[in-house]
Structures are given as C-alpha cells and as structure tokens.
Amino acid sequence: MDKRNISFSDEIPADYAEEIIISGLFVIFQYWISKKNPEPIAELIKIINKSRFLAPYKMIDLKKDN
C-alpha cells in the first residue's frame, strides 16, 4: 500500500499499473478536448468510468468470419 492508501493488484508492478491508469485518463481527456464537437462533460465522465472497468479486449468486437 502506498502513501495514498491505494493498493494494487499483484498482476503487474504497482508503478506500471499507476502509469497505465494515469496515462489512459490523460489520453482520453486529450482526445476529448481535440474533438470538433466533444461530448458534454457528463458523457465523458460516463465513458471514463466505463473504460476503467472494461478489459481492453472487451472494448473491441473480435467476431471471426468463418
């Protein structure tokens, strides 16, 4: 546990987990402000909240054509 009383999973080192979380939020915000017609802030917050609980592979539809 670090000084902010946050604990991280043992799956990856805490310093990497923290960077992934922070950089992901930063990139989402950068993209949002770069859009010509960005969503309202309330919608952005919903998107960010949903993105924090979805694994990347669940954000992509990987349907295979057979």
Protein backbone atom coordinates (compact mmCIF):
# COMPACT_ATOMS: atom_id res chain seq x y z
CA MET A 1 0.00 0.00 0.00
CA ASP A 2 1.37 3.42 -0.83
CA LYS A 3 1.03 6.79 0.89
CA ARG A 4 -2.42 7.43 -0.65
CA ASN A 5 -3.87 4.24 0.84
CA ILE A 6 -4.24 2.69 -2.60
CA SER A 7 -3.36 -0.92 -3.13
CA PHE A 8 -2.64 -2.50 -6.49
CA SER A 9 -3.05 -6.00 -7.84
CA ASP A 10 -0.02 -8.24 -7.82
CA GLU A 11 -0.58 -8.99 -11.53
CA ILE A 12 1.77 -6.18 -12.64
CA PRO A 13 4.10 -3.93 -10.64
CA ALA A 14 2.33 -1.03 -8.93
CA ASP A 15 4.40 1.64 -10.69
CA TYR A 16 3.32 0.27 -14.09
CA ALA A 17 -0.32 -0.01 -13.01
CA GLU A 18 -0.29 3.60 -11.84
CA GLU A 19 1.23 4.81 -15.13
CA ILE A 20 -1.30 2.84 -17.18
CA ILE A 21 -4.20 4.35 -15.24
CA ILE A 22 -2.92 7.93 -15.31
CA SER A 23 -1.78 7.90 -18.92
CA GLY A 24 -5.05 6.34 -20.04
CA LEU A 25 -7.05 9.11 -18.38
CA PHE A 26 -4.76 11.76 -19.83
CA VAL A 27 -5.07 10.39 -23.37
CA ILE A 28 -8.87 10.18 -23.13
CA PHE A 29 -9.01 13.80 -21.95
CA GLN A 30 -6.63 14.95 -24.70
CA TYR A 31 -8.75 13.21 -27.33
CA TRP A 32 -11.95 14.73 -25.90
CA ILE A 33 -10.63 18.31 -26.00
CA SER A 34 -9.28 17.81 -29.53
CA LYS A 35 -12.69 16.87 -30.95
CA LYS A 36 -14.53 19.46 -33.03
CA ASN A 37 -17.78 18.70 -31.19
CA PRO A 38 -16.88 16.98 -27.93
CA GLU A 39 -19.48 15.20 -25.85
CA PRO A 40 -20.80 17.02 -22.79
CA ILE A 41 -18.59 16.56 -19.73
CA ALA A 42 -21.22 14.31 -18.11
CA GLU A 43 -20.96 11.93 -21.09
CA LEU A 44 -17.17 12.00 -20.94
CA ILE A 45 -17.31 11.05 -17.26
CA LYS A 46 -19.57 8.09 -18.10
CA ILE A 47 -17.16 6.96 -20.82
CA ILE A 48 -14.17 7.24 -18.48
CA ASN A 49 -15.94 5.36 -15.70
CA LYS A 50 -16.95 2.54 -18.06
CA SER A 51 -13.44 2.35 -19.52
CA ARG A 52 -11.90 1.84 -16.08
CA PHE A 53 -13.80 -1.41 -15.56
CA LEU A 54 -13.54 -2.97 -19.02
CA ALA A 55 -10.59 -5.01 -20.14
CA PRO A 56 -9.23 -3.72 -23.47
CA TYR A 57 -10.22 -6.92 -25.27
CA LYS A 58 -13.84 -6.35 -24.17
CA MET A 59 -13.88 -2.91 -25.82
CA ILE A 60 -13.28 -4.49 -29.23
CA ASP A 61 -15.70 -6.74 -31.09
CA LEU A 62 -13.49 -9.62 -32.22
CA LYS A 63 -16.08 -11.57 -34.20
CA LYS A 64 -14.42 -14.04 -36.54
CA ASP A 65 -15.74 -14.71 -40.02
CA ASN A 66 -15.68 -18.44 -40.79
